[in-house]
Each structure stands twice: as C-alpha cells, then as structure tokens.
PDB file of all heavy atoms in Angstrom:
ATOM      1  N   LYS A   1      94.488 103.308  93.840  1.00  0.00           N
ATOM      2  CA  LYS A   1      93.501 102.579  93.047  1.00  0.00           C
ATOM      3  C   LYS A   1      93.127 101.231  93.665  1.00  0.00           C
ATOM      4  O   LYS A   1      91.956 100.894  93.765  1.00  0.00           O
ATOM      5  CB  LYS A   1      94.044 102.375  91.632  1.00  0.00           C
ATOM      6  CG  LYS A   1      93.096 101.681  90.702  1.00  0.00           C
ATOM      7  CD  LYS A   1      93.674 101.593  89.307  1.00  0.00           C
ATOM      8  CE  LYS A   1      92.735 100.892  88.368  1.00  0.00           C
ATOM      9  NZ  LYS A   1      93.301 100.756  87.029  1.00  0.00           N
ATOM     10  N   TYR A   2      94.119 100.472  94.090  1.00  0.00           N
ATOM     11  CA  TYR A   2      93.834  99.107  94.512  1.00  0.00           C
ATOM     12  C   TYR A   2      93.618  98.937  96.013  1.00  0.00           C
ATOM     13  O   TYR A   2      92.768  98.175  96.432  1.00  0.00           O
ATOM     14  CB  TYR A   2      94.949  98.176  94.048  1.00  0.00           C
ATOM     15  CG  TYR A   2      95.038  98.129  92.543  1.00  0.00           C
ATOM     16  CD1 TYR A   2      96.073  98.748  91.873  1.00  0.00           C
ATOM     17  CD2 TYR A   2      94.048  97.511  91.790  1.00  0.00           C
ATOM     18  CE1 TYR A   2      96.148  98.727  90.484  1.00  0.00           C
ATOM     19  CE2 TYR A   2      94.103  97.490  90.404  1.00  0.00           C
ATOM     20  CZ  TYR A   2      95.159  98.099  89.765  1.00  0.00           C
ATOM     21  OH  TYR A   2      95.218  98.097  88.399  1.00  0.00           O
ATOM     22  N   LEU A   3      94.371  99.647  96.810  1.00  0.00           N
ATOM     23  CA  LEU A   3      94.276  99.447  98.258  1.00  0.00           C
ATOM     24  C   LEU A   3      93.657 100.643  98.986  1.00  0.00           C
ATOM     25  O   LEU A   3      93.690 100.711 100.207  1.00  0.00           O
ATOM     26  CB  LEU A   3      95.644  99.099  98.834  1.00  0.00           C
ATOM     27  CG  LEU A   3      96.239  97.786  98.296  1.00  0.00           C
ATOM     28  CD1 LEU A   3      97.639  97.573  98.830  1.00  0.00           C
ATOM     29  CD2 LEU A   3      95.348  96.606  98.664  1.00  0.00           C
ATOM     30  N   LYS A   4      93.122 101.588  98.234  1.00  0.00           N
ATOM     31  CA  LYS A   4      92.348 102.714  98.781  1.00  0.00           C
ATOM     32  C   LYS A   4      93.127 103.570  99.780  1.00  0.00           C
ATOM     33  O   LYS A   4      92.544 104.217 100.631  1.00  0.00           O
ATOM     34  CB  LYS A   4      91.055 102.227  99.431  1.00  0.00           C
ATOM     35  CG  LYS A   4      90.231 101.291  98.574  1.00  0.00           C
ATOM     36  CD  LYS A   4      89.816 101.944  97.273  1.00  0.00           C
ATOM     37  CE  LYS A   4      88.952 100.995  96.473  1.00  0.00           C
ATOM     38  NZ  LYS A   4      89.179 101.059  95.065  1.00  0.00           N
ATOM     39  N   GLY A   5      94.446 103.558  99.726  1.00  0.00           N
ATOM     40  CA  GLY A   5      95.260 104.394 100.594  1.00  0.00           C
ATOM     41  C   GLY A   5      95.792 103.695 101.828  1.00  0.00           C
ATOM     42  O   GLY A   5      96.608 104.263 102.554  1.00  0.00           O
ATOM     43  N   VAL A   6      95.336 102.473 102.082  1.00  0.00           N
ATOM     44  CA  VAL A   6      95.843 101.742 103.243  1.00  0.00           C
ATOM     45  C   VAL A   6      97.340 101.472 103.079  1.00  0.00           C
ATOM     46  O   VAL A   6      98.110 101.569 104.037  1.00  0.00           O
ATOM     47  CB  VAL A   6      95.058 100.431 103.478  1.00  0.00           C
ATOM     48  CG1 VAL A   6      95.683  99.593 104.577  1.00  0.00           C
ATOM     49  CG2 VAL A   6      93.604 100.753 103.819  1.00  0.00           C
ATOM     50  N   ASP A   7      97.765 101.168 101.848  1.00  0.00           N
ATOM     51  CA  ASP A   7      99.193 100.960 101.587  1.00  0.00           C
ATOM     52  C   ASP A   7      99.989 102.225 101.887  1.00  0.00           C
ATOM     53  O   ASP A   7     101.046 102.181 102.521  1.00  0.00           O
ATOM     54  CB  ASP A   7      99.426 100.499 100.145  1.00  0.00           C
ATOM     55  CG  ASP A   7      98.739 101.373  99.103  1.00  0.00           C
ATOM     56  OD1 ASP A   7      97.804 102.130  99.450  1.00  0.00           O
ATOM     57  OD2 ASP A   7      99.125 101.289  97.926  1.00  0.00           O
ATOM     58  N   SER A   8      99.455 103.363 101.487  1.00  0.00           N
ATOM     59  CA  SER A   8     100.115 104.645 101.753  1.00  0.00           C
ATOM     60  C   SER A   8     100.179 104.918 103.250  1.00  0.00           C
ATOM     61  O   SER A   8     101.222 105.323 103.773  1.00  0.00           O
ATOM     62  CB  SER A   8      99.357 105.786 101.071  1.00  0.00           C
ATOM     63  OG  SER A   8      99.171 105.517  99.707  1.00  0.00           O
ATOM     64  N   LEU A   9      99.072 104.703 103.931  1.00  0.00           N
ATOM     65  CA  LEU A   9      99.012 104.916 105.374  1.00  0.00           C
ATOM     66  C   LEU A   9     100.065 104.080 106.097  1.00  0.00           C
ATOM     67  O   LEU A   9     100.817 104.588 106.931  1.00  0.00           O
ATOM     68  CB  LEU A   9      97.622 104.576 105.902  1.00  0.00           C
ATOM     69  CG  LEU A   9      97.451 104.615 107.422  1.00  0.00           C
ATOM     70  CD1 LEU A   9      97.605 106.032 107.948  1.00  0.00           C
ATOM     71  CD2 LEU A   9      96.102 104.035 107.809  1.00  0.00           C
ATOM     72  N   LEU A  10     100.139 102.800 105.763  1.00  0.00           N
ATOM     73  CA  LEU A  10     101.098 101.931 106.447  1.00  0.00           C
ATOM     74  C   LEU A  10     102.538 102.320 106.141  1.00  0.00           C
ATOM     75  O   LEU A  10     103.404 102.258 107.018  1.00  0.00           O
ATOM     76  CB  LEU A  10     100.840 100.462 106.080  1.00  0.00           C
ATOM     77  CG  LEU A  10      99.502  99.905 106.591  1.00  0.00           C
ATOM     78  CD1 LEU A  10      99.291  98.485 106.084  1.00  0.00           C
ATOM     79  CD2 LEU A  10      99.426  99.970 108.104  1.00  0.00           C
ATOM     80  N   SER A  11     102.799 102.758 104.907  1.00  0.00           N
ATOM     81  CA  SER A  11     104.154 103.204 104.561  1.00  0.00           C
ATOM     82  C   SER A  11     104.556 104.425 105.376  1.00  0.00           C
ATOM     83  O   SER A  11     105.724 104.592 105.721  1.00  0.00           O
ATOM     84  CB  SER A  11     104.239 103.569 103.072  1.00  0.00           C
ATOM     85  OG  SER A  11     104.089 102.432 102.278  1.00  0.00           O
ATOM     86  N   MET A  12     103.595 105.266 105.685  1.00  0.00           N
ATOM     87  CA  MET A  12     103.889 106.515 106.392  1.00  0.00           C
ATOM     88  C   MET A  12     103.913 106.356 107.906  1.00  0.00           C
ATOM     89  O   MET A  12     104.729 106.959 108.589  1.00  0.00           O
ATOM     90  CB  MET A  12     102.863 107.577 106.011  1.00  0.00           C
ATOM     91  CG  MET A  12     102.973 108.008 104.571  1.00  0.00           C
ATOM     92  SD  MET A  12     101.592 109.054 104.115  1.00  0.00           S
ATOM     93  CE  MET A  12     102.130 109.618 102.511  1.00  0.00           C
ATOM     94  N   VAL A  13     103.007 105.565 108.424  1.00  0.00           N
ATOM     95  CA  VAL A  13     102.870 105.476 109.875  1.00  0.00           C
ATOM     96  C   VAL A  13     103.886 104.513 110.499  1.00  0.00           C
ATOM     97  O   VAL A  13     104.256 104.670 111.656  1.00  0.00           O
ATOM     98  CB  VAL A  13     101.420 105.104 110.259  1.00  0.00           C
ATOM     99  CG1 VAL A  13     101.146 103.619 110.081  1.00  0.00           C
ATOM    100  CG2 VAL A  13     101.081 105.561 111.650  1.00  0.00           C
ATOM    101  N   GLN A  14     104.389 103.558 109.743  1.00  0.00           N
ATOM    102  CA  GLN A  14     105.330 102.564 110.274  1.00  0.00           C
ATOM    103  C   GLN A  14     106.778 103.007 110.067  1.00  0.00           C
ATOM    104  O   GLN A  14     107.582 102.291 109.492  1.00  0.00           O
ATOM    105  CB  GLN A  14     105.087 101.205 109.616  1.00  0.00           C
ATOM    106  CG  GLN A  14     103.836 100.518 110.088  1.00  0.00           C
ATOM    107  CD  GLN A  14     103.858 100.228 111.567  1.00  0.00           C
ATOM    108  OE1 GLN A  14     103.042 100.721 112.308  1.00  0.00           O
ATOM    109  NE2 GLN A  14     104.805  99.422 112.019  1.00  0.00           N
ATOM    110  N   MET A  15     107.123 104.176 110.583  1.00  0.00           N
ATOM    111  CA  MET A  15     108.487 104.685 110.458  1.00  0.00           C
ATOM    112  C   MET A  15     109.369 104.059 111.534  1.00  0.00           C
ATOM    113  O   MET A  15     108.896 103.780 112.637  1.00  0.00           O
ATOM    114  CB  MET A  15     108.492 106.210 110.595  1.00  0.00           C
ATOM    115  CG  MET A  15     107.761 106.931 109.478  1.00  0.00           C
ATOM    116  SD  MET A  15     108.417 106.556 107.843  1.00  0.00           S
ATOM    117  CE  MET A  15     110.092 107.130 108.026  1.00  0.00           C
ATOM    118  N   PRO A  16     110.645 103.873 111.208  1.00  0.00           N
ATOM    119  CA  PRO A  16     111.541 103.328 112.223  1.00  0.00           C
ATOM    120  C   PRO A  16     111.822 104.359 113.320  1.00  0.00           C
ATOM    121  O   PRO A  16     111.714 105.565 113.092  1.00  0.00           O
ATOM    122  CB  PRO A  16     112.818 103.010 111.439  1.00  0.00           C
ATOM    123  CG  PRO A  16     112.773 103.899 110.254  1.00  0.00           C
ATOM    124  CD  PRO A  16     111.321 104.098 109.931  1.00  0.00           C
ATOM    125  N   LYS A  17     112.171 103.865 114.486  1.00  0.00           N
ATOM    126  CA  LYS A  17     112.517 104.734 115.599  1.00  0.00           C
ATOM    127  C   LYS A  17     113.621 105.698 115.167  1.00  0.00           C
ATOM    128  O   LYS A  17     114.606 105.294 114.553  1.00  0.00           O
ATOM    129  CB  LYS A  17     112.990 103.891 116.788  1.00  0.00           C
ATOM    130  CG  LYS A  17     113.325 104.701 118.020  1.00  0.00           C
ATOM    131  CD  LYS A  17     113.540 103.812 119.222  1.00  0.00           C
ATOM    132  CE  LYS A  17     114.949 103.269 119.226  1.00  0.00           C
ATOM    133  NZ  LYS A  17     115.248 102.544 120.473  1.00  0.00           N
ATOM    134  N   GLY A  18     113.427 106.974 115.449  1.00  0.00           N
ATOM    135  CA  GLY A  18     114.422 107.977 115.109  1.00  0.00           C
ATOM    136  C   GLY A  18     114.115 108.774 113.851  1.00  0.00           C
ATOM    137  O   GLY A  18     114.824 109.722 113.530  1.00  0.00           O
ATOM    138  N   VAL A  19     113.057 108.386 113.120  1.00  0.00           N
ATOM    139  CA  VAL A  19     112.629 109.141 111.930  1.00  0.00           C
ATOM    140  C   VAL A  19     111.141 109.443 112.125  1.00  0.00           C
ATOM    141  O   VAL A  19     110.286 108.635 111.794  1.00  0.00           O
ATOM    142  CB  VAL A  19     112.868 108.365 110.612  1.00  0.00           C
ATOM    143  CG1 VAL A  19     112.463 109.214 109.416  1.00  0.00           C
ATOM    144  CG2 VAL A  19     114.313 107.924 110.494  1.00  0.00           C
ATOM    145  N   ALA A  20     110.861 110.619 112.698  1.00  0.00           N
ATOM    146  CA  ALA A  20     109.489 110.976 113.067  1.00  0.00           C
ATOM    147  C   ALA A  20     108.728 111.573 111.887  1.00  0.00           C
ATOM    148  O   ALA A  20     109.237 112.447 111.191  1.00  0.00           O
ATOM    149  CB  ALA A  20     109.506 111.968 114.217  1.00  0.00           C
ATOM    150  N   VAL A  21     107.518 111.065 111.680  1.00  0.00           N
ATOM    151  CA  VAL A  21     106.597 111.600 110.672  1.00  0.00           C
ATOM    152  C   VAL A  21     105.218 111.668 111.333  1.00  0.00           C
ATOM    153  O   VAL A  21     104.751 110.683 111.895  1.00  0.00           O
ATOM    154  CB  VAL A  21     106.543 110.694 109.413  1.00  0.00           C
ATOM    155  CG1 VAL A  21     105.459 111.161 108.464  1.00  0.00           C
ATOM    156  CG2 VAL A  21     107.889 110.660 108.710  1.00  0.00           C
ATOM    157  N   ALA A  22     104.589 112.827 111.280  1.00  0.00           N
ATOM    158  CA  ALA A  22     103.252 113.007 111.854  1.00  0.00           C
ATOM    159  C   ALA A  22     102.223 112.627 110.794  1.00  0.00           C
ATOM    160  O   ALA A  22     101.857 113.431 109.955  1.00  0.00           O
ATOM    161  CB  ALA A  22     103.058 114.458 112.300  1.00  0.00           C
ATOM    162  N   THR A  23     101.770 111.390 110.811  1.00  0.00           N
ATOM    163  CA  THR A  23     100.885 110.875 109.772  1.00  0.00           C
ATOM    164  C   THR A  23      99.425 111.186 110.083  1.00  0.00           C
ATOM    165  O   THR A  23      98.954 110.972 111.197  1.00  0.00           O
ATOM    166  CB  THR A  23     101.076 109.353 109.617  1.00  0.00           C
ATOM    167  OG1 THR A  23     102.463 109.092 109.377  1.00  0.00           O
ATOM    168  CG2 THR A  23     100.252 108.812 108.470  1.00  0.00           C
ATOM    169  N   GLN A  24      98.731 111.676 109.060  1.00  0.00           N
ATOM    170  CA  GLN A  24      97.324 112.038 109.171  1.00  0.00           C
ATOM    171  C   GLN A  24      96.452 110.941 108.554  1.00  0.00           C
ATOM    172  O   GLN A  24      96.949 109.943 108.064  1.00  0.00           O
ATOM    173  CB  GLN A  24      97.088 113.379 108.474  1.00  0.00           C
ATOM    174  CG  GLN A  24      97.912 114.512 109.042  1.00  0.00           C
ATOM    175  CD  GLN A  24      97.630 114.753 110.513  1.00  0.00           C
ATOM    176  OE1 GLN A  24      96.497 115.057 110.894  1.00  0.00           O
ATOM    177  NE2 GLN A  24      98.637 114.618 111.350  1.00  0.00           N
ATOM    178  N   ALA A  25      95.156 111.172 108.530  1.00  0.00           N
ATOM    179  CA  ALA A  25      94.203 110.227 107.953  1.00  0.00           C
ATOM    180  C   ALA A  25      94.357 110.161 106.430  1.00  0.00           C
ATOM    181  O   ALA A  25      94.920 111.068 105.807  1.00  0.00           O
ATOM    182  CB  ALA A  25      92.774 110.657 108.302  1.00  0.00           C
ATOM    183  N   ILE A  26      93.841 109.122 105.844  1.00  0.00           N
ATOM    184  CA  ILE A  26      93.864 108.950 104.388  1.00  0.00           C
ATOM    185  C   ILE A  26      92.936 109.981 103.740  1.00  0.00           C
ATOM    186  O   ILE A  26      91.804 110.181 104.181  1.00  0.00           O
ATOM    187  CB  ILE A  26      93.391 107.532 103.997  1.00  0.00           C
ATOM    188  CG1 ILE A  26      94.334 106.481 104.570  1.00  0.00           C
ATOM    189  CG2 ILE A  26      93.273 107.393 102.481  1.00  0.00           C
ATOM    190  CD1 ILE A  26      93.799 105.050 104.498  1.00  0.00           C
ATOM    191  N   GLY A  27      93.419 110.634 102.694  1.00  0.00           N
ATOM    192  CA  GLY A  27      92.579 111.484 101.855  1.00  0.00           C
ATOM    193  C   GLY A  27      92.394 112.906 102.333  1.00  0.00           C
ATOM    194  O   GLY A  27      93.239 113.482 103.019  1.00  0.00           O
ATOM    195  N   GLU A  28      91.242 113.484 101.946  1.00  0.00           N
ATOM    196  CA  GLU A  28      90.977 114.897 102.158  1.00  0.00           C
ATOM    197  C   GLU A  28      90.982 115.302 103.619  1.00  0.00           C
ATOM    198  O   GLU A  28      91.487 116.377 103.968  1.00  0.00           O
ATOM    199  CB  GLU A  28      89.647 115.313 101.512  1.00  0.00           C
ATOM    200  CG  GLU A  28      89.673 115.362  99.995  1.00  0.00           C
ATOM    201  CD  GLU A  28      89.417 114.010  99.336  1.00  0.00           C
ATOM    202  OE1 GLU A  28      89.183 113.006 100.060  1.00  0.00           O
ATOM    203  OE2 GLU A  28      89.468 113.946  98.102  1.00  0.00           O
ATOM    204  N   ALA A  29      90.408 114.482 104.502  1.00  0.00           N
ATOM    205  CA  ALA A  29      90.412 114.825 105.933  1.00  0.00           C
ATOM    206  C   ALA A  29      91.841 114.921 106.446  1.00  0.00           C
ATOM    207  O   ALA A  29      92.186 115.838 107.196  1.00  0.00           O
ATOM    208  CB  ALA A  29      89.619 113.796 106.740  1.00  0.00           C
ATOM    209  N   GLY A  30      92.688 114.001 106.023  1.00  0.00           N
ATOM    210  CA  GLY A  30      94.085 114.039 106.430  1.00  0.00           C
ATOM    211  C   GLY A  30      94.812 115.249 105.882  1.00  0.00           C
ATOM    212  O   GLY A  30      95.623 115.877 106.575  1.00  0.00           O
ATOM    213  N   ALA A  31      94.538 115.605 104.632  1.00  0.00           N
ATOM    214  CA  ALA A  31      95.173 116.788 104.034  1.00  0.00           C
ATOM    215  C   ALA A  31      94.739 118.053 104.770  1.00  0.00           C
ATOM    216  O   ALA A  31      95.573 118.899 105.103  1.00  0.00           O
ATOM    217  CB  ALA A  31      94.833 116.880 102.549  1.00  0.00           C
ATOM    218  N   PHE A  32      93.450 118.190 105.040  1.00  0.00           N
ATOM    219  CA  PHE A  32      92.957 119.357 105.771  1.00  0.00           C
ATOM    220  C   PHE A  32      93.639 119.447 107.132  1.00  0.00           C
ATOM    221  O   PHE A  32      94.138 120.501 107.528  1.00  0.00           O
ATOM    222  CB  PHE A  32      91.433 119.281 105.941  1.00  0.00           C
ATOM    223  CG  PHE A  32      90.836 120.506 106.561  1.00  0.00           C
ATOM    224  CD1 PHE A  32      90.346 121.523 105.766  1.00  0.00           C
ATOM    225  CD2 PHE A  32      90.770 120.644 107.941  1.00  0.00           C
ATOM    226  CE1 PHE A  32      89.794 122.671 106.334  1.00  0.00           C
ATOM    227  CE2 PHE A  32      90.228 121.779 108.516  1.00  0.00           C
ATOM    228  CZ  PHE A  32      89.736 122.802 107.716  1.00  0.00           C
ATOM    229  N   ASN A  33      93.653 118.323 107.854  1.00  0.00           N
ATOM    230  CA  ASN A  33      94.263 118.313 109.186  1.00  0.00           C
ATOM    231  C   ASN A  33      95.766 118.570 109.132  1.00  0.00           C
ATOM    232  O   ASN A  33      96.333 119.124 110.075  1.00  0.00           O
ATOM    233  CB  ASN A  33      93.954 117.013 109.920  1.00  0.00           C
ATOM    234  CG  ASN A  33      92.517 116.982 110.415  1.00  0.00           C
ATOM    235  OD1 ASN A  33      91.865 118.020 110.531  1.00  0.00           O
ATOM    236  ND2 ASN A  33      92.028 115.797 110.709  1.00  0.00           N
ATOM    237  N   ALA A  34      96.416 118.190 108.042  1.00  0.00           N
ATOM    238  CA  ALA A  34      97.839 118.493 107.887  1.00  0.00           C
ATOM    239  C   ALA A  34      98.056 119.996 107.812  1.00  0.00           C
ATOM    240  O   ALA A  34      98.967 120.540 108.448  1.00  0.00           O
ATOM    241  CB  ALA A  34      98.397 117.809 106.646  1.00  0.00           C
ATOM    242  N   GLY A  35      97.209 120.695 107.058  1.00  0.00           N
ATOM    243  CA  GLY A  35      97.291 122.147 106.996  1.00  0.00           C
ATOM    244  C   GLY A  35      97.006 122.785 108.345  1.00  0.00           C
ATOM    245  O   GLY A  35      97.679 123.738 108.755  1.00  0.00           O
ATOM    246  N   LEU A  36      96.041 122.242 109.048  1.00  0.00           N
ATOM    247  CA  LEU A  36      95.699 122.750 110.376  1.00  0.00           C
ATOM    248  C   LEU A  36      96.838 122.492 111.362  1.00  0.00           C
ATOM    249  O   LEU A  36      97.232 123.385 112.122  1.00  0.00           O
ATOM    250  CB  LEU A  36      94.398 122.100 110.865  1.00  0.00           C
ATOM    251  CG  LEU A  36      93.880 122.539 112.224  1.00  0.00           C
ATOM    252  CD1 LEU A  36      93.655 124.046 112.277  1.00  0.00           C
ATOM    253  CD2 LEU A  36      92.597 121.787 112.553  1.00  0.00           C
ATOM    254  N   LEU A  37      97.399 121.294 111.345  1.00  0.00           N
ATOM    255  CA  LEU A  37      98.493 120.953 112.253  1.00  0.00           C
ATOM    256  C   LEU A  37      99.735 121.817 111.972  1.00  0.00           C
ATOM    257  O   LEU A  37     100.392 122.289 112.903  1.00  0.00           O
ATOM    258  CB  LEU A  37      98.846 119.471 112.148  1.00  0.00           C
ATOM    259  CG  LEU A  37      99.956 118.963 113.068  1.00  0.00           C
ATOM    260  CD1 LEU A  37      99.631 119.227 114.543  1.00  0.00           C
ATOM    261  CD2 LEU A  37     100.188 117.478 112.829  1.00  0.00           C
ATOM    262  N   ALA A  38     100.023 122.046 110.707  1.00  0.00           N
ATOM    263  CA  ALA A  38     101.145 122.926 110.367  1.00  0.00           C
ATOM    264  C   ALA A  38     100.910 124.320 110.951  1.00  0.00           C
ATOM    265  O   ALA A  38     101.830 124.933 111.518  1.00  0.00           O
ATOM    266  CB  ALA A  38     101.322 123.003 108.849  1.00  0.00           C
ATOM    267  N   SER A  39      99.685 124.808 110.860  1.00  0.00           N
ATOM    268  CA  SER A  39      99.339 126.116 111.428  1.00  0.00           C
ATOM    269  C   SER A  39      99.517 126.117 112.938  1.00  0.00           C
ATOM    270  O   SER A  39     100.023 127.089 113.520  1.00  0.00           O
ATOM    271  CB  SER A  39      97.894 126.483 111.075  1.00  0.00           C
ATOM    272  OG  SER A  39      97.721 126.540 109.673  1.00  0.00           O
TER     273      SER A  39
END
C-alpha cells in the first residue's frame, strides 16, 4: 500500500551471503517470470 513493493523487493534482494534467493520484479511480471524460471 505505502511503498508500492519497493520494501518487499529490498527485503528479498538484499539477502546475506550464503542464503540465495532468485528475486523477480515487483508484481505480476515478477510472478509470471517466477513461474517461467521454475519451469
């Protein structure tokens, strides 16, 4: 609501070394690409 997903993006993309997370774009494009990347 307030930060339009930038807060979520930063929480996901700024992982510490040794904990890998493949972070996608904010919103629907990111969700679609997550399904594609999993495939």
